[in-house]
Amino acid sequence: MSGNDTLPRFQGMLFPVFQYVIDHGLFIKDYPYPKGYVTHRRLFEIIKKGTSREFAVAMQDHLKPSMERIWAWV
């Protein structure tokens, strides 16, 4: 979007993890996300109007449920 390659590089780091989840049937379609879960829409809003710090915190909050599930399976 901005010509900055940080987000695509970050996605490149995450892709193998999420591909593993999909390949091994670990994806839960109707996972009960916790109250206050940060959605992709919210992340996009923060990219448009927030600070880099707000985005970093929101991204951590967004990934936390997925990472907790992954670590529980390992």
C-alpha atoms as a PDB file:
ATOM      1  CA  MET A   1       0.000   0.000   0.000  1.00  0.00           C
ATOM      2  CA  SER A   2       2.648   2.497   0.990  1.00  0.00           C
ATOM      3  CA  GLY A   3       5.644   1.078  -0.805  1.00  0.00           C
ATOM      4  CA  ASN A   4       7.022  -0.043   2.557  1.00  0.00           C
ATOM      5  CA  ASP A   5       7.954  -3.723   2.499  1.00  0.00           C
ATOM      6  CA  THR A   6       7.582  -4.290   6.258  1.00  0.00           C
ATOM      7  CA  LEU A   7       4.032  -5.644   6.151  1.00  0.00           C
ATOM      8  CA  PRO A   8       4.678  -8.041   3.240  1.00  0.00           C
ATOM      9  CA  ARG A   9       7.825  -9.307   4.995  1.00  0.00           C
ATOM     10  CA  PHE A  10       5.820  -9.813   8.191  1.00  0.00           C
ATOM     11  CA  GLN A  11       3.156 -11.719   6.261  1.00  0.00           C
ATOM     12  CA  GLY A  12       5.905 -13.836   4.746  1.00  0.00           C
ATOM     13  CA  MET A  13       7.069 -14.826   8.235  1.00  0.00           C
ATOM     14  CA  LEU A  14       3.541 -15.747   9.336  1.00  0.00           C
ATOM     15  CA  PHE A  15       2.497 -17.613   6.208  1.00  0.00           C
ATOM     16  CA  PRO A  16       4.372 -20.869   6.992  1.00  0.00           C
ATOM     17  CA  VAL A  17       2.852 -21.011  10.473  1.00  0.00           C
ATOM     18  CA  PHE A  18      -0.703 -20.583   9.238  1.00  0.00           C
ATOM     19  CA  GLN A  19      -0.085 -22.907   6.302  1.00  0.00           C
ATOM     20  CA  TYR A  20       0.973 -25.565   8.820  1.00  0.00           C
ATOM     21  CA  VAL A  21      -2.300 -25.053  10.698  1.00  0.00           C
ATOM     22  CA  ILE A  22      -4.313 -25.471   7.504  1.00  0.00           C
ATOM     23  CA  ASP A  23      -2.288 -28.435   6.206  1.00  0.00           C
ATOM     24  CA  HIS A  24      -2.646 -30.347   9.482  1.00  0.00           C
ATOM     25  CA  GLY A  25      -6.385 -29.752   9.932  1.00  0.00           C
ATOM     26  CA  LEU A  26      -5.890 -27.547  12.977  1.00  0.00           C
ATOM     27  CA  PHE A  27      -7.947 -24.612  11.726  1.00  0.00           C
ATOM     28  CA  ILE A  28     -11.132 -24.115  13.753  1.00  0.00           C
ATOM     29  CA  LYS A  29     -13.712 -22.410  11.550  1.00  0.00           C
ATOM     30  CA  ASP A  30     -16.025 -21.263  14.340  1.00  0.00           C
ATOM     31  CA  TYR A  31     -13.388 -20.490  16.969  1.00  0.00           C
ATOM     32  CA  PRO A  32     -14.895 -18.447  19.843  1.00  0.00           C
ATOM     33  CA  TYR A  33     -12.631 -15.390  19.757  1.00  0.00           C
ATOM     34  CA  PRO A  34     -12.342 -13.520  23.040  1.00  0.00           C
ATOM     35  CA  LYS A  35     -14.231 -10.317  23.735  1.00  0.00           C
ATOM     36  CA  GLY A  36     -12.338  -7.367  22.333  1.00  0.00           C
ATOM     37  CA  TYR A  37     -10.658  -9.432  19.590  1.00  0.00           C
ATOM     38  CA  VAL A  38      -8.931  -7.138  17.076  1.00  0.00           C
ATOM     39  CA  THR A  39     -10.382  -7.776  13.626  1.00  0.00           C
ATOM     40  CA  HIS A  40      -8.740  -7.192  10.248  1.00  0.00           C
ATOM     41  CA  ARG A  41     -11.072  -4.230   9.782  1.00  0.00           C
ATOM     42  CA  ARG A  42      -9.826  -2.706  13.043  1.00  0.00           C
ATOM     43  CA  LEU A  43      -6.212  -3.259  12.006  1.00  0.00           C
ATOM     44  CA  PHE A  44      -6.921  -1.499   8.726  1.00  0.00           C
ATOM     45  CA  GLU A  45      -8.516   1.443  10.564  1.00  0.00           C
ATOM     46  CA  ILE A  46      -5.442   1.737  12.765  1.00  0.00           C
ATOM     47  CA  ILE A  47      -3.155   1.663   9.716  1.00  0.00           C
ATOM     48  CA  LYS A  48      -5.169   4.527   8.214  1.00  0.00           C
ATOM     49  CA  LYS A  49      -5.622   6.709  11.313  1.00  0.00           C
ATOM     50  CA  GLY A  50      -3.552   5.375  14.205  1.00  0.00           C
ATOM     51  CA  THR A  51       0.055   5.442  15.268  1.00  0.00           C
ATOM     52  CA  SER A  52       2.697   2.813  14.688  1.00  0.00           C
ATOM     53  CA  ARG A  53       2.565   1.984  18.401  1.00  0.00           C
ATOM     54  CA  GLU A  54      -1.222   1.489  18.282  1.00  0.00           C
ATOM     55  CA  PHE A  55      -0.787  -0.803  15.291  1.00  0.00           C
ATOM     56  CA  ALA A  56       1.936  -2.845  17.020  1.00  0.00           C
ATOM     57  CA  VAL A  57      -0.233  -3.372  20.102  1.00  0.00           C
ATOM     58  CA  ALA A  58      -3.312  -4.173  18.009  1.00  0.00           C
ATOM     59  CA  MET A  59      -1.348  -6.661  15.894  1.00  0.00           C
ATOM     60  CA  GLN A  60      -0.136  -8.424  19.045  1.00  0.00           C
ATOM     61  CA  ASP A  61      -3.709  -8.580  20.338  1.00  0.00           C
ATOM     62  CA  HIS A  62      -4.912  -9.815  16.940  1.00  0.00           C
ATOM     63  CA  LEU A  63      -2.377 -12.640  16.783  1.00  0.00           C
ATOM     64  CA  LYS A  64      -2.569 -13.690  20.426  1.00  0.00           C
ATOM     65  CA  PRO A  65      -5.531 -16.138  20.116  1.00  0.00           C
ATOM     66  CA  SER A  66      -3.996 -17.830  17.068  1.00  0.00           C
ATOM     67  CA  MET A  67      -0.572 -18.135  18.639  1.00  0.00           C
ATOM     68  CA  GLU A  68      -2.051 -19.531  21.868  1.00  0.00           C
ATOM     69  CA  ARG A  69      -3.864 -22.203  19.834  1.00  0.00           C
ATOM     70  CA  ILE A  70      -0.724 -23.042  17.879  1.00  0.00           C
ATOM     71  CA  TRP A  71       1.430 -23.362  21.016  1.00  0.00           C
ATOM     72  CA  ALA A  72      -1.233 -25.576  22.599  1.00  0.00           C
ATOM     73  CA  TRP A  73      -0.880 -28.005  19.655  1.00  0.00           C
ATOM     74  CA  VAL A  74       2.917 -28.105  19.607  1.00  0.00           C
END
